[in-house]
């Protein structure tokens, strides 16, 4: 039942219900394909949902039409303060991200690859940022199932 609730919540975050195909749910991570865009992605919510202005998630996307694979994206629950540099921590590795408003990304494709590699071997990750109205905030994610969801999303777009 818990996995069903997680899957439905993840699906609701991503795109309208008619625009995607489920590729599977792996622990707290889901994998989806949107053939109309086309894109495929692995997505998860933070371990604990806290009050905020946005519904937070972490995703790893593949955009075959743009030749982008393994693009890391975070939607934070609050807008970041102007000029803030969000920090992603996976194990003992720290990654500076870039972003604006409630959205954060790796600095470049090399950063995407390094983050995905760390996610594959990590157990948890935390993103920390600063909001102009609320100060510092963090969001924690389990990485259980992330590698399998990332692989399912990549395979889901292999033929698009």
C-alpha atoms as a PDB file:
ATOM      1  CA  UNK A   1       0.000   0.000   0.000  1.00  0.00           C
ATOM      2  CA  UNK A   2       2.817   2.407   0.915  1.00  0.00           C
ATOM      3  CA  UNK A   3       4.464   1.847  -2.493  1.00  0.00           C
ATOM      4  CA  UNK A   4       1.143   2.498  -4.230  1.00  0.00           C
ATOM      5  CA  UNK A   5       0.766   5.834  -2.430  1.00  0.00           C
ATOM      6  CA  UNK A   6       4.359   6.786  -3.273  1.00  0.00           C
ATOM      7  CA  UNK A   7       3.875   5.822  -6.920  1.00  0.00           C
ATOM      8  CA  UNK A   8       0.681   7.807  -7.262  1.00  0.00           C
ATOM      9  CA  UNK A   9       2.209  10.827  -5.564  1.00  0.00           C
ATOM     10  CA  UNK A  10       5.316  10.681  -7.746  1.00  0.00           C
ATOM     11  CA  UNK A  11       3.171  10.382 -10.855  1.00  0.00           C
ATOM     12  CA  UNK A  12       1.061  13.364  -9.865  1.00  0.00           C
ATOM     13  CA  UNK A  13       4.169  15.512  -9.449  1.00  0.00           C
ATOM     14  CA  UNK A  14       5.584  14.805 -12.857  1.00  0.00           C
ATOM     15  CA  UNK A  15       3.059  15.330 -15.635  1.00  0.00           C
ATOM     16  CA  UNK A  16      -0.658  15.101 -16.406  1.00  0.00           C
ATOM     17  CA  UNK A  17      -2.000  11.554 -16.063  1.00  0.00           C
ATOM     18  CA  UNK A  18      -2.567  10.896 -19.765  1.00  0.00           C
ATOM     19  CA  UNK A  19       0.905  11.982 -20.916  1.00  0.00           C
ATOM     20  CA  UNK A  20       3.139   9.263 -19.408  1.00  0.00           C
ATOM     21  CA  UNK A  21       3.756   5.546 -19.131  1.00  0.00           C
ATOM     22  CA  UNK A  22       4.882   3.990 -15.864  1.00  0.00           C
ATOM     23  CA  UNK A  23       8.131   2.060 -16.233  1.00  0.00           C
ATOM     24  CA  UNK A  24       8.080   0.857 -12.635  1.00  0.00           C
ATOM     25  CA  UNK A  25       8.402   1.796  -8.986  1.00  0.00           C
ATOM     26  CA  UNK A  26      11.604   0.818  -7.187  1.00  0.00           C
ATOM     27  CA  UNK A  27      11.465   1.433  -3.435  1.00  0.00           C
ATOM     28  CA  UNK A  28      10.808   5.197  -3.186  1.00  0.00           C
ATOM     29  CA  UNK A  29      11.754   5.969  -6.810  1.00  0.00           C
ATOM     30  CA  UNK A  30       9.516   5.788  -9.873  1.00  0.00           C
ATOM     31  CA  UNK A  31      10.454   5.680 -13.566  1.00  0.00           C
ATOM     32  CA  UNK A  32       8.227   7.156 -16.276  1.00  0.00           C
ATOM     33  CA  UNK A  33       8.202   7.701 -20.035  1.00  0.00           C
ATOM     34  CA  UNK A  34       6.445  10.599 -21.741  1.00  0.00           C
ATOM     35  CA  UNK A  35       6.562   9.640 -25.448  1.00  0.00           C
ATOM     36  CA  UNK A  36       4.832  12.837 -26.595  1.00  0.00           C
ATOM     37  CA  UNK A  37       7.619  15.124 -25.305  1.00  0.00           C
ATOM     38  CA  UNK A  38       9.683  12.687 -25.635  1.00  0.00           C
ATOM     39  CA  UNK A  39      11.401  12.181 -22.291  1.00  0.00           C
ATOM     40  CA  UNK A  40      11.941   9.577 -19.599  1.00  0.00           C
ATOM     41  CA  UNK A  41      12.800  10.196 -15.970  1.00  0.00           C
ATOM     42  CA  UNK A  42      13.364   8.707 -12.544  1.00  0.00           C
ATOM     43  CA  UNK A  43      11.720  10.689  -9.753  1.00  0.00           C
ATOM     44  CA  UNK A  44      11.331  10.642  -5.965  1.00  0.00           C
ATOM     45  CA  UNK A  45       9.949  12.750  -3.163  1.00  0.00           C
ATOM     46  CA  UNK A  46      11.898  13.636  -0.012  1.00  0.00           C
ATOM     47  CA  UNK A  47      11.674  11.192   2.866  1.00  0.00           C
ATOM     48  CA  UNK A  48       9.619  13.633   4.936  1.00  0.00           C
ATOM     49  CA  UNK A  49       7.309  16.162   3.382  1.00  0.00           C
ATOM     50  CA  UNK A  50       7.484  19.494   5.152  1.00  0.00           C
ATOM     51  CA  UNK A  51       5.338  22.570   4.653  1.00  0.00           C
ATOM     52  CA  UNK A  52       6.418  24.749   1.788  1.00  0.00           C
ATOM     53  CA  UNK A  53       5.311  26.659  -1.260  1.00  0.00           C
ATOM     54  CA  UNK A  54       6.131  23.894  -3.772  1.00  0.00           C
ATOM     55  CA  UNK A  55       5.862  20.105  -3.919  1.00  0.00           C
ATOM     56  CA  UNK A  56       9.529  19.004  -3.786  1.00  0.00           C
ATOM     57  CA  UNK A  57      11.097  16.206  -5.841  1.00  0.00           C
ATOM     58  CA  UNK A  58      14.383  14.966  -7.263  1.00  0.00           C
ATOM     59  CA  UNK A  59      14.527  13.720 -10.837  1.00  0.00           C
ATOM     60  CA  UNK A  60      17.008  12.361 -13.347  1.00  0.00           C
ATOM     61  CA  UNK A  61      15.798  12.997 -16.897  1.00  0.00           C
ATOM     62  CA  UNK A  62      16.586  11.823 -20.394  1.00  0.00           C
ATOM     63  CA  UNK A  63      15.528  13.976 -23.360  1.00  0.00           C
ATOM     64  CA  UNK A  64      16.332  12.048 -26.566  1.00  0.00           C
ATOM     65  CA  UNK A  65      15.256  14.907 -28.847  1.00  0.00           C
ATOM     66  CA  UNK A  66      17.738  17.222 -27.114  1.00  0.00           C
ATOM     67  CA  UNK A  67      20.460  14.565 -26.759  1.00  0.00           C
ATOM     68  CA  UNK A  68      20.408  15.039 -22.966  1.00  0.00           C
ATOM     69  CA  UNK A  69      20.824  12.026 -20.708  1.00  0.00           C
ATOM     70  CA  UNK A  70      21.047  11.842 -16.941  1.00  0.00           C
ATOM     71  CA  UNK A  71      20.069  15.469 -16.300  1.00  0.00           C
ATOM     72  CA  UNK A  72      19.662  16.114 -12.565  1.00  0.00           C
ATOM     73  CA  UNK A  73      16.830  18.399 -11.428  1.00  0.00           C
ATOM     74  CA  UNK A  74      15.526  19.282  -7.982  1.00  0.00           C
ATOM     75  CA  UNK A  75      12.288  21.095  -7.196  1.00  0.00           C
ATOM     76  CA  UNK A  76      12.676  22.542  -3.713  1.00  0.00           C
ATOM     77  CA  UNK A  77       9.819  23.256  -1.345  1.00  0.00           C
ATOM     78  CA  UNK A  78      10.777  26.926  -1.138  1.00  0.00           C
ATOM     79  CA  UNK A  79      12.227  29.486  -3.509  1.00  0.00           C
ATOM     80  CA  UNK A  80      15.923  30.018  -2.988  1.00  0.00           C
ATOM     81  CA  UNK A  81      17.250  33.408  -1.949  1.00  0.00           C
ATOM     82  CA  UNK A  82      18.701  35.445  -4.812  1.00  0.00           C
ATOM     83  CA  UNK A  83      22.303  34.382  -5.416  1.00  0.00           C
ATOM     84  CA  UNK A  84      22.082  31.270  -3.211  1.00  0.00           C
ATOM     85  CA  UNK A  85      24.146  28.221  -4.161  1.00  0.00           C
ATOM     86  CA  UNK A  86      22.303  25.048  -3.131  1.00  0.00           C
ATOM     87  CA  UNK A  87      24.533  22.220  -1.899  1.00  0.00           C
ATOM     88  CA  UNK A  88      23.834  18.538  -2.567  1.00  0.00           C
ATOM     89  CA  UNK A  89      25.541  16.042  -0.262  1.00  0.00           C
ATOM     90  CA  UNK A  90      25.765  12.321  -1.065  1.00  0.00           C
ATOM     91  CA  UNK A  91      27.915  10.407   1.415  1.00  0.00           C
ATOM     92  CA  UNK A  92      31.097  12.446   1.808  1.00  0.00           C
ATOM     93  CA  UNK A  93      30.730  14.143  -1.594  1.00  0.00           C
ATOM     94  CA  UNK A  94      29.421  17.692  -1.911  1.00  0.00           C
ATOM     95  CA  UNK A  95      28.142  19.239  -5.125  1.00  0.00           C
ATOM     96  CA  UNK A  96      27.408  22.906  -5.707  1.00  0.00           C
ATOM     97  CA  UNK A  97      24.252  23.320  -7.758  1.00  0.00           C
ATOM     98  CA  UNK A  98      22.857  26.183  -9.746  1.00  0.00           C
ATOM     99  CA  UNK A  99      19.284  27.339  -9.889  1.00  0.00           C
ATOM    100  CA  UNK A 100      16.657  29.954  -9.472  1.00  0.00           C
ATOM    101  CA  UNK A 101      13.345  30.082  -7.696  1.00  0.00           C
ATOM    102  CA  UNK A 102      12.460  26.585  -6.453  1.00  0.00           C
ATOM    103  CA  UNK A 103      14.543  24.754  -9.126  1.00  0.00           C
ATOM    104  CA  UNK A 104      18.142  23.525  -8.908  1.00  0.00           C
ATOM    105  CA  UNK A 105      20.376  21.638 -11.361  1.00  0.00           C
ATOM    106  CA  UNK A 106      23.932  20.429 -11.676  1.00  0.00           C
ATOM    107  CA  UNK A 107      26.307  23.080 -13.047  1.00  0.00           C
ATOM    108  CA  UNK A 108      26.877  21.133 -16.296  1.00  0.00           C
ATOM    109  CA  UNK A 109      26.800  17.666 -17.905  1.00  0.00           C
ATOM    110  CA  UNK A 110      29.959  16.646 -16.041  1.00  0.00           C
ATOM    111  CA  UNK A 111      28.230  17.565 -12.766  1.00  0.00           C
ATOM    112  CA  UNK A 112      25.153  15.544 -13.790  1.00  0.00           C
ATOM    113  CA  UNK A 113      27.358  12.485 -14.410  1.00  0.00           C
ATOM    114  CA  UNK A 114      29.200  12.873 -11.103  1.00  0.00           C
ATOM    115  CA  UNK A 115      25.957  13.244  -9.156  1.00  0.00           C
ATOM    116  CA  UNK A 116      24.350  10.217 -10.829  1.00  0.00           C
ATOM    117  CA  UNK A 117      27.489   8.140 -10.117  1.00  0.00           C
ATOM    118  CA  UNK A 118      27.376   9.190  -6.447  1.00  0.00           C
ATOM    119  CA  UNK A 119      23.667   8.395  -6.282  1.00  0.00           C
ATOM    120  CA  UNK A 120      24.335   4.868  -7.571  1.00  0.00           C
ATOM    121  CA  UNK A 121      26.694   4.104  -4.693  1.00  0.00           C
ATOM    122  CA  UNK A 122      25.073   6.233  -1.973  1.00  0.00           C
ATOM    123  CA  UNK A 123      22.300   5.459   0.462  1.00  0.00           C
ATOM    124  CA  UNK A 124      20.953   8.962   1.135  1.00  0.00           C
ATOM    125  CA  UNK A 125      21.290  12.470  -0.227  1.00  0.00           C
ATOM    126  CA  UNK A 126      20.532  15.891   1.192  1.00  0.00           C
ATOM    127  CA  UNK A 127      20.041  19.180  -0.586  1.00  0.00           C
ATOM    128  CA  UNK A 128      20.444  22.361   1.448  1.00  0.00           C
ATOM    129  CA  UNK A 129      19.524  25.859   0.342  1.00  0.00           C
ATOM    130  CA  UNK A 130      18.602  29.229   1.774  1.00  0.00           C
ATOM    131  CA  UNK A 131      15.257  30.979   1.381  1.00  0.00           C
ATOM    132  CA  UNK A 132      14.940  34.745   1.675  1.00  0.00           C
ATOM    133  CA  UNK A 133      11.828  34.397   3.858  1.00  0.00           C
ATOM    134  CA  UNK A 134      12.582  31.261   5.889  1.00  0.00           C
ATOM    135  CA  UNK A 135      16.370  30.921   6.134  1.00  0.00           C
ATOM    136  CA  UNK A 136      18.210  27.658   5.589  1.00  0.00           C
ATOM    137  CA  UNK A 137      16.245  24.512   4.749  1.00  0.00           C
ATOM    138  CA  UNK A 138      17.101  20.945   3.776  1.00  0.00           C
ATOM    139  CA  UNK A 139      15.454  18.031   2.046  1.00  0.00           C
ATOM    140  CA  UNK A 140      16.550  14.427   2.540  1.00  0.00           C
ATOM    141  CA  UNK A 141      16.126  11.580   0.051  1.00  0.00           C
ATOM    142  CA  UNK A 142      16.626   7.851   0.283  1.00  0.00           C
ATOM    143  CA  UNK A 143      18.587   6.491  -2.661  1.00  0.00           C
ATOM    144  CA  UNK A 144      17.171   3.001  -2.266  1.00  0.00           C
ATOM    145  CA  UNK A 145      15.833   2.077  -5.718  1.00  0.00           C
ATOM    146  CA  UNK A 146      17.356   5.154  -7.410  1.00  0.00           C
ATOM    147  CA  UNK A 147      19.876   3.269  -9.573  1.00  0.00           C
ATOM    148  CA  UNK A 148      17.214   0.870 -10.856  1.00  0.00           C
ATOM    149  CA  UNK A 149      14.781   3.717 -11.585  1.00  0.00           C
ATOM    150  CA  UNK A 150      17.519   5.690 -13.378  1.00  0.00           C
ATOM    151  CA  UNK A 151      18.334   2.623 -15.505  1.00  0.00           C
ATOM    152  CA  UNK A 152      14.651   1.962 -16.257  1.00  0.00           C
ATOM    153  CA  UNK A 153      14.218   5.574 -17.403  1.00  0.00           C
ATOM    154  CA  UNK A 154      17.300   5.360 -19.628  1.00  0.00           C
ATOM    155  CA  UNK A 155      16.079   2.112 -21.186  1.00  0.00           C
ATOM    156  CA  UNK A 156      12.591   3.560 -21.574  1.00  0.00           C
ATOM    157  CA  UNK A 157      13.944   6.265 -23.873  1.00  0.00           C
ATOM    158  CA  UNK A 158      16.461   4.093 -25.715  1.00  0.00           C
ATOM    159  CA  UNK A 159      14.128   3.631 -28.692  1.00  0.00           C
ATOM    160  CA  UNK A 160      12.609   7.141 -28.799  1.00  0.00           C
END
